[in-house]
């Protein structure tokens, strides 16, 4: 991949999903070896692991060793910052986290600040203060889940203006596919309970627009939701931006294939698009003879 080519970043919320072994990964894939294979399927990952704990130096070095330089991680700040302390007195844990992931260097995409659904416009001053203190030599993205950030209120306008000024991306959470069909699986029912049904806001998407699309049980329905983004992706690419789309499904079994299908569909409309790597072969399981 050359840096001169327009790039669409596609990926999933994780890479070490064991149900992918034998489906997207070879049957003999060992635990801990998934990332190198995932990086042949997709060119970005959300890496939710950092939301739960700051990564060790050994893990960070392993992640770097298993990925090419043009791969991107979009890690979340630890929940200690966003959910436990709710942005109060967080300079030390933020700096500790940045020090931990810094060795990944160019492999780092925007770092995601995912705020809890209860964090609404009443926290505008705290949020503005937090944004102003974010180090400007890092890429950042903020995901808001309270409906009060989507009603064009003064608080939303203040925040969006600051994000645009600082070049910070506002994450787009697209749950339309999730709510477009009745949930049939337990996982889909849980997703509908936990994922908010919010408007789509594109006012402050920044240099690296980020879409997290939450799909339904049906891969076909999820793909339909992904394909509706193609005109917007073309517009962003024409503007010289580098968009990210992360595909979530209730069971996530087909998420890598859906991400690649979106990329392929966009490539048909946008021939200059940088290609994805060739997917790894998934060999047939060995046959055991009884004789």
Protein backbone atom coordinates (compact mmCIF):
# COMPACT_ATOMS: atom_id res chain seq x y z
CA UNK A 1 0.00 0.00 0.00
CA UNK A 2 1.39 3.42 -0.88
CA UNK A 3 0.64 6.51 1.13
CA UNK A 4 -0.35 8.39 -2.03
CA UNK A 5 -3.39 6.17 -2.57
CA UNK A 6 -6.70 7.00 -0.91
CA UNK A 7 -7.22 4.68 2.07
CA UNK A 8 -10.35 3.28 3.66
CA UNK A 9 -9.69 1.70 7.05
CA UNK A 10 -11.97 -1.24 7.78
CA UNK A 11 -11.98 -3.50 10.78
CA UNK A 12 -13.68 -5.18 13.73
CA UNK A 13 -13.86 -4.59 17.47
CA UNK A 14 -11.27 -7.30 18.21
CA UNK A 15 -8.77 -9.66 16.59
CA UNK A 16 -8.58 -12.64 19.00
CA UNK A 17 -12.08 -14.01 18.41
CA UNK A 18 -11.72 -17.78 18.64
CA UNK A 19 -14.88 -18.57 16.59
CA UNK A 20 -12.93 -17.15 13.61
CA UNK A 21 -10.51 -20.10 13.81
CA UNK A 22 -11.47 -22.44 10.98
CA UNK A 23 -13.68 -19.72 9.49
CA UNK A 24 -11.36 -16.77 8.84
CA UNK A 25 -8.19 -18.13 10.43
CA UNK A 26 -6.47 -21.47 9.73
CA UNK A 27 -7.64 -24.38 11.88
CA UNK A 28 -4.32 -24.69 13.70
CA UNK A 29 -4.16 -21.01 14.76
CA UNK A 30 -2.80 -20.86 18.31
CA UNK A 31 -4.06 -18.40 20.92
CA UNK A 32 -1.88 -15.30 20.71
CA UNK A 33 -1.17 -15.74 16.99
CA UNK A 34 -4.43 -14.22 15.71
CA UNK A 35 -3.31 -10.62 15.20
CA UNK A 36 -0.87 -11.36 12.37
CA UNK A 37 -3.66 -13.19 10.53
CA UNK A 38 -6.23 -10.48 11.29
CA UNK A 39 -3.89 -7.89 9.75
CA UNK A 40 -4.23 -9.80 6.45
CA UNK A 41 -8.01 -9.48 6.62
CA UNK A 42 -8.40 -5.86 7.75
CA UNK A 43 -6.20 -2.78 7.94
CA UNK A 44 -7.50 -1.46 11.29
CA UNK A 45 -8.93 -2.70 14.59
CA UNK A 46 -10.67 -1.06 17.53
CA UNK A 47 -8.77 -3.06 20.10
CA UNK A 48 -11.29 -2.87 22.96
CA UNK A 49 -8.79 -4.63 25.21
CA UNK A 50 -7.34 -1.31 26.38
CA UNK A 51 -10.71 -0.19 27.74
CA UNK A 52 -10.39 -2.80 30.47
CA UNK A 53 -6.69 -2.52 31.31
CA UNK A 54 -3.59 -0.61 30.30
CA UNK A 55 -1.48 -2.91 28.10
CA UNK A 56 1.87 -4.23 29.23
CA UNK A 57 5.08 -3.33 27.42
CA UNK A 58 5.38 -6.97 26.30
CA UNK A 59 1.92 -6.97 24.73
CA UNK A 60 2.51 -3.68 22.95
CA UNK A 61 5.76 -4.98 21.47
CA UNK A 62 4.01 -8.20 20.39
CA UNK A 63 1.26 -6.18 18.68
CA UNK A 64 3.87 -4.15 16.84
CA UNK A 65 5.77 -7.25 15.76
CA UNK A 66 2.60 -8.91 14.39
CA UNK A 67 1.40 -6.00 12.24
CA UNK A 68 2.75 -4.15 9.18
CA UNK A 69 3.51 -0.40 9.42
CA UNK A 70 0.36 0.54 7.49
CA UNK A 71 -1.94 -1.20 10.00
CA UNK A 72 -3.84 1.00 12.50
CA UNK A 73 -5.01 0.42 16.08
CA UNK A 74 -7.83 2.62 17.37
CA UNK A 75 -7.59 1.97 21.08
CA UNK A 76 -9.99 3.23 23.74
CA UNK A 77 -8.81 5.10 26.79
CA UNK A 78 -9.15 2.88 29.86
CA UNK A 79 -12.53 2.90 31.58
CA UNK A 80 -10.78 4.35 34.66
CA UNK A 81 -10.59 7.64 32.74
CA UNK A 82 -13.99 7.74 31.05
CA UNK A 83 -16.31 5.70 33.26
CA UNK A 84 -14.81 5.43 36.75
CA UNK A 85 -13.36 8.93 37.13
CA UNK A 86 -15.65 10.41 34.45
CA UNK A 87 -12.84 12.74 33.23
CA UNK A 88 -12.13 14.10 36.73
CA UNK A 89 -8.47 14.23 37.79
CA UNK A 90 -7.30 12.02 34.94
CA UNK A 91 -3.98 13.60 33.88
CA UNK A 92 -1.94 10.77 35.41
CA UNK A 93 -3.86 7.78 33.96
CA UNK A 94 -4.07 9.45 30.53
CA UNK A 95 -0.31 10.07 30.49
CA UNK A 96 0.38 6.54 31.73
CA UNK A 97 -1.76 5.11 28.92
CA UNK A 98 -0.05 7.25 26.28
CA UNK A 99 3.35 6.12 27.51
CA UNK A 100 2.19 2.50 27.29
CA UNK A 101 1.01 2.63 23.66
CA UNK A 102 3.57 5.10 22.33
CA UNK A 103 5.93 2.35 21.01
CA UNK A 104 3.29 1.51 18.37
CA UNK A 105 4.14 4.87 16.76
CA UNK A 106 2.69 5.14 13.23
CA UNK A 107 0.45 2.15 13.82
CA UNK A 108 -1.70 4.23 16.17
CA UNK A 109 -4.89 5.66 14.73
CA UNK A 110 -7.07 8.08 16.69
CA UNK A 111 -7.33 7.20 20.37
CA UNK A 112 -10.96 6.89 21.35
CA UNK A 113 -12.58 8.61 24.33
CA UNK A 114 -15.84 6.66 24.72
CA UNK A 115 -18.09 8.35 27.27
CA UNK A 116 -20.87 6.51 29.13
CA UNK A 117 -24.53 7.06 28.17
CA UNK A 118 -25.14 8.95 31.43
CA UNK A 119 -22.55 11.61 30.54
CA UNK A 120 -24.79 14.36 29.16
CA UNK A 121 -24.61 18.09 28.37
CA UNK A 122 -24.59 18.97 32.07
CA UNK A 123 -20.93 17.92 31.91
CA UNK A 124 -20.07 20.32 29.07
CA UNK A 125 -17.55 22.41 31.03
CA UNK A 126 -15.74 19.33 32.28
CA UNK A 127 -15.67 17.86 28.77
CA UNK A 128 -14.45 21.10 27.18
CA UNK A 129 -11.69 21.36 29.78
CA UNK A 130 -10.68 17.74 29.14
CA UNK A 131 -10.58 18.26 25.35
CA UNK A 132 -8.46 21.40 25.70
CA UNK A 133 -5.91 19.45 27.74
CA UNK A 134 -5.53 16.55 25.32
CA UNK A 135 -1.98 16.49 23.88
CA UNK A 136 -2.12 17.91 20.35
CA UNK A 137 0.62 15.61 19.04
CA UNK A 138 -1.79 12.64 19.27
CA UNK A 139 -4.86 11.85 17.19
CA UNK A 140 -8.12 11.74 19.16
CA UNK A 141 -11.74 10.70 18.69
CA UNK A 142 -14.69 11.17 21.04
CA UNK A 143 -17.78 8.97 21.15
CA UNK A 144 -20.87 10.41 22.87
CA UNK A 145 -23.85 8.25 23.80
CA UNK A 146 -26.23 10.66 25.55
CA UNK A 147 -29.10 11.96 23.40
CA UNK A 148 -28.41 15.50 24.59
CA UNK A 149 -25.32 15.69 22.38
CA UNK A 150 -27.44 15.21 19.25
CA UNK A 151 -30.13 17.92 19.52
CA UNK A 152 -28.16 20.92 18.21
CA UNK A 153 -28.21 22.44 21.68
CA UNK A 154 -25.72 25.14 22.74
CA UNK A 155 -23.70 22.42 24.49
CA UNK A 156 -23.44 20.37 21.30
CA UNK A 157 -22.49 23.43 19.28
CA UNK A 158 -19.80 24.42 21.79
CA UNK A 159 -18.31 20.96 21.77
CA UNK A 160 -18.41 20.53 17.99
CA UNK A 161 -16.75 23.91 17.47
CA UNK A 162 -13.91 22.93 19.82
CA UNK A 163 -13.51 19.51 18.20
CA UNK A 164 -13.31 21.11 14.74
CA UNK A 165 -10.80 23.68 16.02
CA UNK A 166 -8.60 20.96 17.54
CA UNK A 167 -8.98 18.51 14.65
CA UNK A 168 -10.58 15.90 16.90
CA UNK A 169 -12.92 13.35 15.36
CA UNK A 170 -16.42 12.76 16.69
CA UNK A 171 -17.20 9.05 16.34
CA UNK A 172 -20.37 8.14 14.44
CA UNK A 173 -22.26 5.27 16.08
CA UNK A 174 -24.60 3.83 13.44
CA UNK A 175 -27.08 1.47 15.07
CA UNK A 176 -29.66 1.69 12.27
CA UNK A 177 -28.96 -1.87 11.00
CA UNK A 178 -29.29 -3.24 14.55
CA UNK A 179 -32.75 -1.74 14.97
CA UNK A 180 -33.90 -2.39 11.39
CA UNK A 181 -34.82 -6.01 12.11
CA UNK A 182 -36.21 -7.90 15.10
CA UNK A 183 -33.49 -9.34 17.32
CA UNK A 184 -33.58 -13.13 17.24
CA UNK A 185 -30.33 -14.16 18.93
CA UNK A 186 -29.50 -13.59 22.59
CA UNK A 187 -26.51 -11.51 21.49
CA UNK A 188 -28.69 -9.25 19.33
CA UNK A 189 -31.21 -8.79 22.15
CA UNK A 190 -28.33 -7.76 24.42
CA UNK A 191 -27.01 -5.37 21.77
CA UNK A 192 -30.39 -3.65 21.49
CA UNK A 193 -30.43 -3.25 25.28
CA UNK A 194 -26.92 -1.83 25.44
CA UNK A 195 -26.47 0.20 22.25
CA UNK A 196 -28.33 3.54 22.01
CA UNK A 197 -30.44 4.41 18.98
CA UNK A 198 -28.99 7.85 18.21
CA UNK A 199 -29.12 10.24 15.25
CA UNK A 200 -26.23 10.31 12.77
CA UNK A 201 -24.17 13.48 13.24
CA UNK A 202 -21.47 14.38 10.69
CA UNK A 203 -20.72 17.91 11.87
CA UNK A 204 -17.34 17.19 13.46
CA UNK A 205 -16.00 14.01 11.87
CA UNK A 206 -12.51 15.46 11.34
CA UNK A 207 -9.61 14.30 9.19
CA UNK A 208 -10.28 10.66 10.06
CA UNK A 209 -14.06 10.07 10.06
CA UNK A 210 -14.85 7.05 12.22
CA UNK A 211 -18.03 5.02 11.84
CA UNK A 212 -18.87 2.19 14.23
CA UNK A 213 -21.68 0.26 12.58
CA UNK A 214 -23.70 -2.13 14.74
CA UNK A 215 -25.30 -4.78 12.58
CA UNK A 216 -28.21 -7.18 12.94
CA UNK A 217 -28.23 -10.98 13.10
CA UNK A 218 -28.39 -11.26 9.32
CA UNK A 219 -25.08 -10.63 7.50
CA UNK A 220 -27.10 -9.47 4.48
CA UNK A 221 -28.91 -6.86 6.55
CA UNK A 222 -25.65 -5.68 8.07
CA UNK A 223 -24.04 -5.43 4.62
CA UNK A 224 -26.98 -3.37 3.39
CA UNK A 225 -26.33 -0.94 6.24
CA UNK A 226 -22.64 -0.79 5.34
CA UNK A 227 -23.24 -0.16 1.64
CA UNK A 228 -25.41 2.87 2.34
CA UNK A 229 -22.21 4.59 3.55
CA UNK A 230 -20.50 4.37 0.14
CA UNK A 231 -21.60 7.82 -1.18
CA UNK A 232 -20.40 9.45 2.05
CA UNK A 233 -17.13 7.52 1.96
CA UNK A 234 -16.51 8.71 -1.60
CA UNK A 235 -17.14 12.29 -0.51
CA UNK A 236 -14.68 11.94 2.37
CA UNK A 237 -12.05 10.36 0.13
CA UNK A 238 -12.49 13.15 -2.42
CA UNK A 239 -11.87 15.61 0.43
CA UNK A 240 -8.54 13.90 1.14
CA UNK A 241 -9.74 12.29 4.37
CA UNK A 242 -8.95 8.78 5.63
CA UNK A 243 -12.16 7.24 6.97
CA UNK A 244 -12.51 4.27 9.29
CA UNK A 245 -15.47 1.87 9.43
CA UNK A 246 -15.67 -0.79 12.14
CA UNK A 247 -18.17 -3.61 11.71
CA UNK A 248 -19.96 -5.07 14.74
CA UNK A 249 -22.42 -7.93 14.61
CA UNK A 250 -24.19 -9.61 17.53
CA UNK A 251 -21.96 -12.71 17.27
CA UNK A 252 -19.25 -11.03 15.14
CA UNK A 253 -18.72 -14.25 13.18
CA UNK A 254 -19.01 -12.58 9.78
CA UNK A 255 -17.59 -9.16 10.69
CA UNK A 256 -14.21 -9.58 8.89
CA UNK A 257 -15.91 -10.70 5.68
CA UNK A 258 -18.41 -7.85 5.86
CA UNK A 259 -15.60 -5.34 6.34
CA UNK A 260 -13.81 -6.74 3.29
CA UNK A 261 -17.04 -6.77 1.28
CA UNK A 262 -17.59 -3.08 1.97
CA UNK A 263 -14.01 -2.31 0.95
CA UNK A 264 -14.41 -4.32 -2.28
CA UNK A 265 -17.71 -2.60 -3.11
CA UNK A 266 -16.16 0.82 -2.59
CA UNK A 267 -13.17 -0.20 -4.72
CA UNK A 268 -15.50 -0.86 -7.65
CA UNK A 269 -16.76 2.71 -7.38
CA UNK A 270 -13.39 4.22 -6.43
CA UNK A 271 -10.63 2.42 -8.41
CA UNK A 272 -7.83 4.51 -6.89
CA UNK A 273 -8.54 3.02 -3.44
CA UNK A 274 -5.57 1.28 -1.84
CA UNK A 275 -6.25 -2.49 -1.73
CA UNK A 276 -6.51 -4.69 1.32
CA UNK A 277 -3.99 -7.51 1.84
CA UNK A 278 -4.80 -10.94 0.48
CA UNK A 279 -6.79 -12.91 3.02
CA UNK A 280 -5.05 -15.88 4.69
CA UNK A 281 -5.92 -19.37 3.49
CA UNK A 282 -8.13 -21.42 5.77
CA UNK A 283 -7.10 -25.02 5.15
CA UNK A 284 -9.47 -27.93 5.45
CA UNK A 285 -9.25 -29.82 8.75
CA UNK A 286 -7.08 -32.91 8.66
CA UNK A 287 -8.87 -36.22 8.06
CA UNK A 288 -8.08 -38.91 10.61
CA UNK A 289 -8.06 -42.43 9.25
CA UNK A 290 -9.37 -45.28 11.34
CA UNK A 291 -7.00 -47.72 9.62
